[in-house]
Protein backbone atom coordinates (compact mmCIF):
# COMPACT_ATOMS: atom_id res chain seq x y z
CA MET A 1 6.20 6.45 -11.17
CA THR A 2 6.52 5.18 -14.72
CA LYS A 3 7.09 1.55 -15.52
CA LYS A 4 10.85 2.08 -15.81
CA GLY A 5 10.79 4.12 -12.60
CA PRO A 6 12.27 7.54 -12.08
CA SER A 7 15.98 8.07 -12.53
CA ASN A 8 18.09 8.21 -9.39
CA PHE A 9 18.38 11.96 -9.93
CA ASP A 10 14.58 12.35 -10.02
CA GLU A 11 14.22 10.14 -6.95
CA GLU A 12 16.83 12.14 -5.04
CA ARG A 13 15.42 15.48 -6.19
CA LEU A 14 11.87 14.58 -5.10
CA ALA A 15 13.11 13.22 -1.78
CA GLN A 16 15.15 16.37 -1.14
CA LEU A 17 12.16 18.57 -1.96
CA LEU A 18 9.98 16.60 0.47
CA LEU A 19 12.63 16.66 3.18
CA GLY A 20 13.07 20.40 2.62
CA GLY A 21 9.35 20.81 3.02
CA LEU A 22 9.40 18.79 6.22
CA ASP A 23 12.08 21.15 7.50
CA GLY A 24 9.83 24.15 6.84
CA ASP A 25 10.85 25.18 3.31
CA ALA A 26 7.47 26.05 1.81
CA LEU A 27 8.88 26.59 -1.69
CA ALA A 28 10.52 23.15 -1.70
CA TYR A 29 7.30 21.53 -0.51
CA HIS A 30 5.28 23.37 -3.17
CA ALA A 31 7.74 22.18 -5.85
CA PHE A 32 7.49 18.63 -4.46
CA LEU A 33 3.69 18.64 -4.67
CA LYS A 34 3.74 20.14 -8.15
CA GLU A 35 6.18 17.55 -9.54
CA LEU A 36 4.48 14.74 -7.70
CA SER A 37 1.02 15.69 -8.96
CA ALA A 38 2.28 15.41 -12.56
CA ARG A 39 3.72 11.95 -11.82
CA LEU A 40 0.56 10.82 -10.04
CA ARG A 41 -1.58 12.09 -12.91
CA ALA A 42 0.44 9.99 -15.38
CA PHE A 43 0.31 6.98 -13.04
CA PHE A 44 -3.48 7.14 -12.70
CA ARG A 45 -4.15 7.96 -16.36
CA LYS A 46 -2.30 4.83 -17.39
CA ARG A 47 -4.35 2.69 -15.02
CA LEU A 48 -7.69 4.44 -15.50
CA SER A 49 -7.81 4.79 -19.28
CA ARG A 50 -11.47 3.73 -19.19
CA LEU A 51 -12.29 6.09 -16.33
CA PRO A 52 -10.60 9.38 -17.28
CA ASP A 53 -13.02 11.43 -15.18
CA GLU A 54 -11.68 9.77 -12.02
CA VAL A 55 -8.04 10.73 -12.57
CA GLU A 56 -8.08 14.25 -11.09
CA ASP A 57 -10.08 13.19 -8.05
CA LEU A 58 -7.65 10.36 -7.41
CA VAL A 59 -4.64 12.67 -7.84
CA GLN A 60 -6.13 14.99 -5.21
CA GLU A 61 -6.95 12.10 -2.84
CA ALA A 62 -3.41 10.74 -3.18
CA LEU A 63 -1.83 14.16 -2.64
CA LEU A 64 -3.95 14.69 0.44
CA ALA A 65 -2.99 11.28 1.82
CA ILE A 66 0.69 11.95 1.09
CA HIS A 67 0.42 15.34 2.77
CA ASN A 68 -1.30 13.84 5.81
CA GLN A 69 1.25 11.00 6.05
CA ARG A 70 4.35 13.03 5.12
CA ARG A 71 5.86 12.67 8.59
CA THR A 72 5.85 8.87 8.18
CA TYR A 73 8.26 8.97 5.23
CA ASP A 74 11.52 7.22 6.09
CA ALA A 75 14.35 8.97 4.24
CA SER A 76 16.38 5.75 4.22
CA LEU A 77 13.84 4.16 1.86
CA PRO A 78 13.02 5.11 -1.74
CA LEU A 79 10.46 7.90 -1.90
CA THR A 80 8.78 6.47 -4.97
CA ALA A 81 8.07 3.17 -3.18
CA TRP A 82 6.32 5.07 -0.39
CA VAL A 83 4.37 7.26 -2.84
CA HIS A 84 3.52 4.26 -5.04
CA ALA A 85 2.07 2.37 -2.07
CA ILE A 86 -0.17 5.30 -1.17
CA ALA A 87 -1.26 5.77 -4.80
CA LYS A 88 -2.07 2.08 -5.15
CA TYR A 89 -4.17 2.14 -1.98
CA LYS A 90 -6.12 5.10 -3.36
CA LEU A 91 -6.64 3.22 -6.63
CA VAL A 92 -7.89 0.16 -4.76
CA ASP A 93 -10.21 2.34 -2.67
CA LEU A 94 -11.68 3.78 -5.88
CA MET A 95 -12.25 0.32 -7.33
CA ARG A 96 -13.93 -0.83 -4.12
CA ARG A 97 -16.21 2.20 -4.08
CA ARG A 98 -17.15 1.66 -7.72
CA ALA A 99 -17.79 -2.04 -7.16
CA ALA A 100 -20.01 -1.33 -4.15
CA LYS A 101 -21.83 1.43 -6.02
CA GLU A 102 -22.48 -0.85 -8.98
CA GLY A 103 -23.66 -3.69 -6.77
CA LEU A 104 -20.76 -5.97 -7.58
CA THR A 105 -20.42 -7.19 -4.02
CA ASP A 106 -22.57 -10.00 -2.71
CA PRO A 107 -24.82 -9.06 0.19
CA LEU A 108 -24.62 -11.14 3.30
CA ASP A 109 -27.92 -12.93 2.94
CA ASP A 110 -27.72 -15.37 5.76
CA ALA A 111 -25.57 -14.84 8.84
CA ALA A 112 -26.21 -18.44 9.89
CA GLU A 113 -24.42 -19.63 6.76
CA ILE A 114 -21.31 -17.71 7.78
CA LEU A 115 -21.41 -19.10 11.29
CA ALA A 116 -21.94 -22.63 10.01
CA GLY A 117 -18.40 -22.88 8.56
CA SER A 118 -16.56 -25.82 10.06
CA ASP A 119 -13.56 -25.52 12.33
CA SER A 120 -11.68 -27.95 10.12
CA GLU A 121 -11.90 -25.54 7.18
CA ALA A 122 -10.44 -22.76 9.30
CA THR A 123 -7.70 -25.06 10.55
CA GLU A 124 -6.82 -26.14 7.02
CA ALA A 125 -6.78 -22.54 5.82
CA ARG A 126 -4.49 -21.50 8.69
CA ARG A 127 -2.16 -24.43 7.96
CA ASP A 128 -2.00 -23.43 4.27
CA LEU A 129 -1.32 -19.83 5.22
CA ASP A 130 1.43 -20.88 7.62
CA LYS A 131 3.09 -22.93 4.86
CA LEU A 132 3.02 -19.92 2.53
CA LEU A 133 4.33 -17.57 5.22
CA GLU A 134 7.23 -19.94 5.99
CA GLN A 135 8.49 -19.33 2.45
CA LEU A 136 8.92 -15.60 3.08
CA PRO A 137 12.01 -14.02 4.64
CA ASP A 138 11.56 -12.61 8.15
CA ARG A 139 11.54 -8.99 6.89
CA LEU A 140 8.34 -9.79 4.94
CA ARG A 141 6.80 -12.52 7.11
CA LEU A 142 7.03 -10.83 10.52
CA PRO A 143 5.23 -7.61 9.57
CA ILE A 144 2.35 -9.62 8.08
CA VAL A 145 2.09 -11.96 11.06
CA LYS A 146 2.23 -9.16 13.61
CA THR A 147 -0.09 -6.66 11.90
CA LYS A 148 -2.50 -8.79 9.90
CA LEU A 149 -2.75 -11.93 12.01
CA GLU A 150 -1.97 -10.77 15.53
CA GLY A 151 -3.61 -7.36 15.09
CA LEU A 152 -0.73 -5.22 16.32
CA THR A 153 -0.38 -1.66 15.11
CA VAL A 154 2.53 -0.68 12.87
CA ALA A 155 4.21 1.04 15.83
CA GLU A 156 3.77 -2.03 18.06
CA THR A 157 5.10 -4.27 15.32
CA ALA A 158 8.12 -2.00 14.84
CA ARG A 159 8.92 -2.21 18.56
CA ALA A 160 8.38 -5.99 18.67
CA THR A 161 10.55 -6.71 15.62
CA GLY A 162 13.17 -3.98 15.90
CA MET A 163 12.19 -2.68 12.45
CA SER A 164 11.34 0.92 11.64
CA GLU A 165 7.67 1.73 11.11
CA SER A 166 8.34 2.39 7.44
CA ALA A 167 10.11 -0.96 7.11
CA VAL A 168 7.07 -2.64 8.67
CA LYS A 169 4.72 -0.95 6.19
CA VAL A 170 6.96 -1.82 3.25
CA GLY A 171 7.32 -5.39 4.59
CA VAL A 172 3.56 -5.83 4.75
CA HIS A 173 3.08 -4.42 1.26
CA ARG A 174 5.87 -6.47 -0.33
CA GLY A 175 5.02 -9.54 1.71
CA LEU A 176 1.40 -9.53 0.56
CA LYS A 177 2.58 -9.18 -3.03
CA ALA A 178 4.95 -12.11 -2.52
CA LEU A 179 2.14 -14.20 -0.99
CA ALA A 180 -0.11 -13.43 -3.93
CA ALA A 181 2.65 -14.54 -6.30
CA LEU A 182 3.13 -17.76 -4.32
CA ILE A 183 -0.60 -18.48 -4.46
CA ARG A 184 -0.69 -17.86 -8.22
CA ASP A 185 2.26 -20.21 -8.69
CA GLU A 186 0.50 -23.00 -6.76
CA ARG A 187 -2.57 -22.99 -9.01
């Protein structure tokens, strides 16, 4: 979970510990959680240098999410990518909570103003989005279109596209990152 990423040995060792835990080996799962908590702690400390009191809470939230989602791990994909996605979501959740708590979000003052948006603006936005999505390969574009635009679940998207559920999740995550990069490049 460092910038360079774990060595292949570390990646394989962590994955084997998790898989052992999934097969009922309590000692392997305990070792997995122990090693992972150290990596998560370093990951969050680096990103939360100004909020050191939040690190331990975030480590626990991430470990709990990983534990709850452990059956969704696809052994054919890198473990650290799966863990990193969960950790990043927890980090984003923390930032959203802090922003809301500190009043950094704008209240919706006037519902009529929202409803007054023109159809042409929505049409233009959809056209722009379609142009950006066309630039992505199918493995990134389809998961975004199916889950984010059509509202399908990950399982439904996996069935519709022939991808695994993990591949759909990774496709959405990587696709959104690619879209953000495309948008930055257009500015």
